[in-house]
C-alpha atoms as a PDB file:
ATOM      1  CA  UNK A   1      11.491   1.787  16.312  1.00  0.00           C
ATOM      2  CA  UNK A   2      11.865  -1.265  14.033  1.00  0.00           C
ATOM      3  CA  UNK A   3      13.154   0.937  11.201  1.00  0.00           C
ATOM      4  CA  UNK A   4      15.614   2.757  13.462  1.00  0.00           C
ATOM      5  CA  UNK A   5      16.975  -0.449  15.003  1.00  0.00           C
ATOM      6  CA  UNK A   6      17.315  -2.166  11.608  1.00  0.00           C
ATOM      7  CA  UNK A   7      19.162   0.799  10.146  1.00  0.00           C
ATOM      8  CA  UNK A   8      21.452   1.107  13.167  1.00  0.00           C
ATOM      9  CA  UNK A   9      22.420  -2.561  12.923  1.00  0.00           C
ATOM     10  CA  UNK A  10      23.106  -2.376   9.186  1.00  0.00           C
ATOM     11  CA  UNK A  11      25.006   0.924   9.426  1.00  0.00           C
ATOM     12  CA  UNK A  12      27.192  -0.368  12.245  1.00  0.00           C
ATOM     13  CA  UNK A  13      28.373  -3.390  10.267  1.00  0.00           C
ATOM     14  CA  UNK A  14      28.552  -1.468   6.971  1.00  0.00           C
ATOM     15  CA  UNK A  15      30.998   1.037   8.516  1.00  0.00           C
ATOM     16  CA  UNK A  16      33.276  -1.897   9.386  1.00  0.00           C
ATOM     17  CA  UNK A  17      32.871  -3.402   5.885  1.00  0.00           C
ATOM     18  CA  UNK A  18      32.368  -0.435   3.529  1.00  0.00           C
ATOM     19  CA  UNK A  19      32.472  -2.509   0.322  1.00  0.00           C
ATOM     20  CA  UNK A  20      29.752  -4.891   1.529  1.00  0.00           C
ATOM     21  CA  UNK A  21      26.008  -4.718   1.093  1.00  0.00           C
ATOM     22  CA  UNK A  22      24.748  -5.238   4.654  1.00  0.00           C
ATOM     23  CA  UNK A  23      21.337  -6.415   5.829  1.00  0.00           C
ATOM     24  CA  UNK A  24      19.983  -5.333   9.210  1.00  0.00           C
ATOM     25  CA  UNK A  25      16.708  -6.445  10.721  1.00  0.00           C
ATOM     26  CA  UNK A  26      14.787  -6.005  13.949  1.00  0.00           C
ATOM     27  CA  UNK A  27      11.306  -6.666  15.215  1.00  0.00           C
ATOM     28  CA  UNK A  28       9.035  -4.890  17.658  1.00  0.00           C
ATOM     29  CA  UNK A  29       6.018  -6.624  19.178  1.00  0.00           C
ATOM     30  CA  UNK A  30       3.216  -4.757  20.933  1.00  0.00           C
ATOM     31  CA  UNK A  31       0.052  -5.512  22.846  1.00  0.00           C
ATOM     32  CA  UNK A  32      -2.407  -2.682  23.485  1.00  0.00           C
ATOM     33  CA  UNK A  33       0.207  -0.209  22.245  1.00  0.00           C
ATOM     34  CA  UNK A  34       2.823  -1.354  24.766  1.00  0.00           C
ATOM     35  CA  UNK A  35       6.092  -2.791  23.454  1.00  0.00           C
ATOM     36  CA  UNK A  36       6.727  -6.404  24.429  1.00  0.00           C
ATOM     37  CA  UNK A  37      10.432  -7.039  24.745  1.00  0.00           C
ATOM     38  CA  UNK A  38      12.254 -10.328  24.718  1.00  0.00           C
ATOM     39  CA  UNK A  39      11.221 -12.043  27.930  1.00  0.00           C
ATOM     40  CA  UNK A  40      14.645 -13.349  28.953  1.00  0.00           C
ATOM     41  CA  UNK A  41      13.277 -15.987  31.330  1.00  0.00           C
ATOM     42  CA  UNK A  42      10.430 -18.377  32.053  1.00  0.00           C
ATOM     43  CA  UNK A  43       8.444 -16.085  34.362  1.00  0.00           C
ATOM     44  CA  UNK A  44       8.453 -13.140  31.951  1.00  0.00           C
ATOM     45  CA  UNK A  45       7.558 -15.388  29.019  1.00  0.00           C
ATOM     46  CA  UNK A  46       4.673 -16.922  30.969  1.00  0.00           C
ATOM     47  CA  UNK A  47       3.411 -13.446  31.819  1.00  0.00           C
ATOM     48  CA  UNK A  48       3.601 -12.334  28.167  1.00  0.00           C
ATOM     49  CA  UNK A  49       1.753 -15.403  26.916  1.00  0.00           C
ATOM     50  CA  UNK A  50      -0.933 -15.062  29.578  1.00  0.00           C
ATOM     51  CA  UNK A  51      -1.441 -11.439  28.522  1.00  0.00           C
ATOM     52  CA  UNK A  52      -1.558 -12.429  24.830  1.00  0.00           C
ATOM     53  CA  UNK A  53      -4.048 -15.277  25.246  1.00  0.00           C
ATOM     54  CA  UNK A  54      -7.187 -14.656  23.168  1.00  0.00           C
ATOM     55  CA  UNK A  55      -5.831 -11.308  21.975  1.00  0.00           C
ATOM     56  CA  UNK A  56      -4.096  -9.741  18.992  1.00  0.00           C
ATOM     57  CA  UNK A  57      -0.387  -8.937  19.124  1.00  0.00           C
ATOM     58  CA  UNK A  58       1.088  -6.610  16.505  1.00  0.00           C
ATOM     59  CA  UNK A  59       4.541  -6.985  15.006  1.00  0.00           C
ATOM     60  CA  UNK A  60       6.549  -4.496  12.994  1.00  0.00           C
ATOM     61  CA  UNK A  61       9.606  -6.045  11.408  1.00  0.00           C
ATOM     62  CA  UNK A  62      12.176  -3.746   9.905  1.00  0.00           C
ATOM     63  CA  UNK A  63      14.727  -4.646   7.289  1.00  0.00           C
ATOM     64  CA  UNK A  64      17.482  -2.320   6.097  1.00  0.00           C
ATOM     65  CA  UNK A  65      20.043  -2.590   3.337  1.00  0.00           C
ATOM     66  CA  UNK A  66      23.172  -0.419   3.527  1.00  0.00           C
ATOM     67  CA  UNK A  67      26.323  -0.092   1.396  1.00  0.00           C
ATOM     68  CA  UNK A  68      28.698   2.661   2.489  1.00  0.00           C
ATOM     69  CA  UNK A  69      30.821   2.602  -0.694  1.00  0.00           C
ATOM     70  CA  UNK A  70      27.864   3.318  -2.966  1.00  0.00           C
ATOM     71  CA  UNK A  71      25.986   5.505  -0.477  1.00  0.00           C
ATOM     72  CA  UNK A  72      23.040   3.104  -0.704  1.00  0.00           C
ATOM     73  CA  UNK A  73      20.579   2.986   2.156  1.00  0.00           C
ATOM     74  CA  UNK A  74      17.028   1.681   2.106  1.00  0.00           C
ATOM     75  CA  UNK A  75      14.651   0.243   4.664  1.00  0.00           C
ATOM     76  CA  UNK A  76      11.184  -1.210   4.931  1.00  0.00           C
ATOM     77  CA  UNK A  77       8.897  -2.012   7.867  1.00  0.00           C
ATOM     78  CA  UNK A  78       6.478  -4.905   7.457  1.00  0.00           C
ATOM     79  CA  UNK A  79       3.376  -4.999   9.676  1.00  0.00           C
ATOM     80  CA  UNK A  80       1.940  -8.323  10.809  1.00  0.00           C
ATOM     81  CA  UNK A  81      -0.464  -9.415  13.508  1.00  0.00           C
ATOM     82  CA  UNK A  82      -1.171 -12.610  15.376  1.00  0.00           C
ATOM     83  CA  UNK A  83      -4.447 -13.546  17.005  1.00  0.00           C
ATOM     84  CA  UNK A  84      -3.682 -15.898  19.878  1.00  0.00           C
ATOM     85  CA  UNK A  85      -5.867 -18.792  20.915  1.00  0.00           C
ATOM     86  CA  UNK A  86      -7.262 -18.839  24.423  1.00  0.00           C
ATOM     87  CA  UNK A  87      -4.421 -20.424  26.383  1.00  0.00           C
ATOM     88  CA  UNK A  88      -4.624 -22.124  29.744  1.00  0.00           C
ATOM     89  CA  UNK A  89      -1.712 -22.178  32.185  1.00  0.00           C
ATOM     90  CA  UNK A  90      -0.850 -25.818  31.425  1.00  0.00           C
ATOM     91  CA  UNK A  91      -0.630 -25.163  27.666  1.00  0.00           C
ATOM     92  CA  UNK A  92       1.601 -22.155  28.298  1.00  0.00           C
ATOM     93  CA  UNK A  93       3.811 -24.155  30.658  1.00  0.00           C
ATOM     94  CA  UNK A  94       4.086 -27.070  28.210  1.00  0.00           C
ATOM     95  CA  UNK A  95       4.998 -24.718  25.391  1.00  0.00           C
ATOM     96  CA  UNK A  96       7.636 -22.851  27.391  1.00  0.00           C
ATOM     97  CA  UNK A  97       9.269 -26.038  28.669  1.00  0.00           C
ATOM     98  CA  UNK A  98       9.513 -27.468  25.151  1.00  0.00           C
ATOM     99  CA  UNK A  99      10.515 -24.372  23.178  1.00  0.00           C
ATOM    100  CA  UNK A 100      12.140 -21.991  25.716  1.00  0.00           C
ATOM    101  CA  UNK A 101      11.535 -18.886  23.552  1.00  0.00           C
ATOM    102  CA  UNK A 102      13.120 -16.494  26.038  1.00  0.00           C
ATOM    103  CA  UNK A 103      15.056 -14.588  23.371  1.00  0.00           C
ATOM    104  CA  UNK A 104      12.011 -13.999  21.142  1.00  0.00           C
ATOM    105  CA  UNK A 105       9.743 -10.954  21.138  1.00  0.00           C
ATOM    106  CA  UNK A 106       6.273 -12.087  22.162  1.00  0.00           C
ATOM    107  CA  UNK A 107       7.627 -15.251  23.840  1.00  0.00           C
ATOM    108  CA  UNK A 108       7.165 -17.624  20.911  1.00  0.00           C
ATOM    109  CA  UNK A 109       8.906 -19.042  17.874  1.00  0.00           C
ATOM    110  CA  UNK A 110       6.419 -19.368  15.032  1.00  0.00           C
ATOM    111  CA  UNK A 111       8.787 -21.601  13.073  1.00  0.00           C
ATOM    112  CA  UNK A 112       8.421 -24.207  15.815  1.00  0.00           C
ATOM    113  CA  UNK A 113       5.685 -25.186  18.246  1.00  0.00           C
ATOM    114  CA  UNK A 114       4.665 -21.536  18.628  1.00  0.00           C
ATOM    115  CA  UNK A 115       2.356 -21.944  15.658  1.00  0.00           C
ATOM    116  CA  UNK A 116       0.058 -23.958  17.958  1.00  0.00           C
ATOM    117  CA  UNK A 117      -0.510 -20.815  20.046  1.00  0.00           C
ATOM    118  CA  UNK A 118      -2.277 -18.975  17.219  1.00  0.00           C
ATOM    119  CA  UNK A 119      -5.790 -18.816  15.896  1.00  0.00           C
ATOM    120  CA  UNK A 120      -4.953 -16.538  12.960  1.00  0.00           C
ATOM    121  CA  UNK A 121      -2.001 -14.844  11.262  1.00  0.00           C
ATOM    122  CA  UNK A 122      -2.586 -11.649   9.318  1.00  0.00           C
ATOM    123  CA  UNK A 123      -0.150  -9.890   7.040  1.00  0.00           C
ATOM    124  CA  UNK A 124       1.389  -9.864   3.597  1.00  0.00           C
ATOM    125  CA  UNK A 125       4.715 -11.530   4.431  1.00  0.00           C
ATOM    126  CA  UNK A 126       4.692 -14.431   6.901  1.00  0.00           C
ATOM    127  CA  UNK A 127       8.506 -14.482   6.977  1.00  0.00           C
ATOM    128  CA  UNK A 128       8.370 -11.137   8.770  1.00  0.00           C
ATOM    129  CA  UNK A 129       7.026 -12.939  11.829  1.00  0.00           C
ATOM    130  CA  UNK A 130      10.230 -14.997  11.918  1.00  0.00           C
ATOM    131  CA  UNK A 131      12.227 -11.762  11.998  1.00  0.00           C
ATOM    132  CA  UNK A 132      13.297 -11.142   8.402  1.00  0.00           C
ATOM    133  CA  UNK A 133      10.692 -10.046   5.824  1.00  0.00           C
ATOM    134  CA  UNK A 134      12.043 -11.832   2.773  1.00  0.00           C
ATOM    135  CA  UNK A 135       9.526 -10.397   0.313  1.00  0.00           C
ATOM    136  CA  UNK A 136      10.592  -6.861   1.234  1.00  0.00           C
ATOM    137  CA  UNK A 137      14.269  -7.843   1.282  1.00  0.00           C
ATOM    138  CA  UNK A 138      13.945  -9.225  -2.251  1.00  0.00           C
ATOM    139  CA  UNK A 139      12.649  -5.830  -3.388  1.00  0.00           C
ATOM    140  CA  UNK A 140      15.431  -3.945  -1.594  1.00  0.00           C
ATOM    141  CA  UNK A 141      18.073  -6.185  -3.155  1.00  0.00           C
ATOM    142  CA  UNK A 142      16.626  -5.467  -6.613  1.00  0.00           C
ATOM    143  CA  UNK A 143      16.824  -1.718  -5.862  1.00  0.00           C
ATOM    144  CA  UNK A 144      20.485  -2.228  -4.940  1.00  0.00           C
ATOM    145  CA  UNK A 145      21.121  -3.866  -8.323  1.00  0.00           C
ATOM    146  CA  UNK A 146      21.264  -7.400  -6.922  1.00  0.00           C
ATOM    147  CA  UNK A 147      18.036  -9.079  -7.988  1.00  0.00           C
ATOM    148  CA  UNK A 148      17.626 -12.444  -6.303  1.00  0.00           C
ATOM    149  CA  UNK A 149      16.580 -14.049  -9.585  1.00  0.00           C
ATOM    150  CA  UNK A 150      19.264 -12.305 -11.634  1.00  0.00           C
ATOM    151  CA  UNK A 151      21.434 -14.123 -14.122  1.00  0.00           C
ATOM    152  CA  UNK A 152      23.372 -17.069 -12.696  1.00  0.00           C
ATOM    153  CA  UNK A 153      26.929 -16.063 -11.910  1.00  0.00           C
ATOM    154  CA  UNK A 154      26.149 -12.359 -11.913  1.00  0.00           C
END
């Protein structure tokens, strides 16, 4: 699902800008094999965090790179997991009031106070948890002939 959504996003924009190299990314979170969508509101976020407390949530973050003019299309899916701390209702409430992560899969923002919800992070690319796996993207850009550390001005 993460690969499909990432590719669809990149393809959609690349069709509108055929000379551009377009990046698409999407993330899917799951608990016990069930997809956790973006909560959208306080009640749904509270429910997701209650369900996640003391448990492992899996993330698959897709990144795609598409250029219509050169018929270039690549994608990668980066797995990552988060082991949540045991969370009481007051901690969940305090977090949600402060951060309001209602547009984030899993109901947290790891680049903010969400990091306090976790006991352990496991995976090769921590940036994938934020929604864009930069290590994988660096490799895809090199494949497209645009190495991030290429010559200045090139």
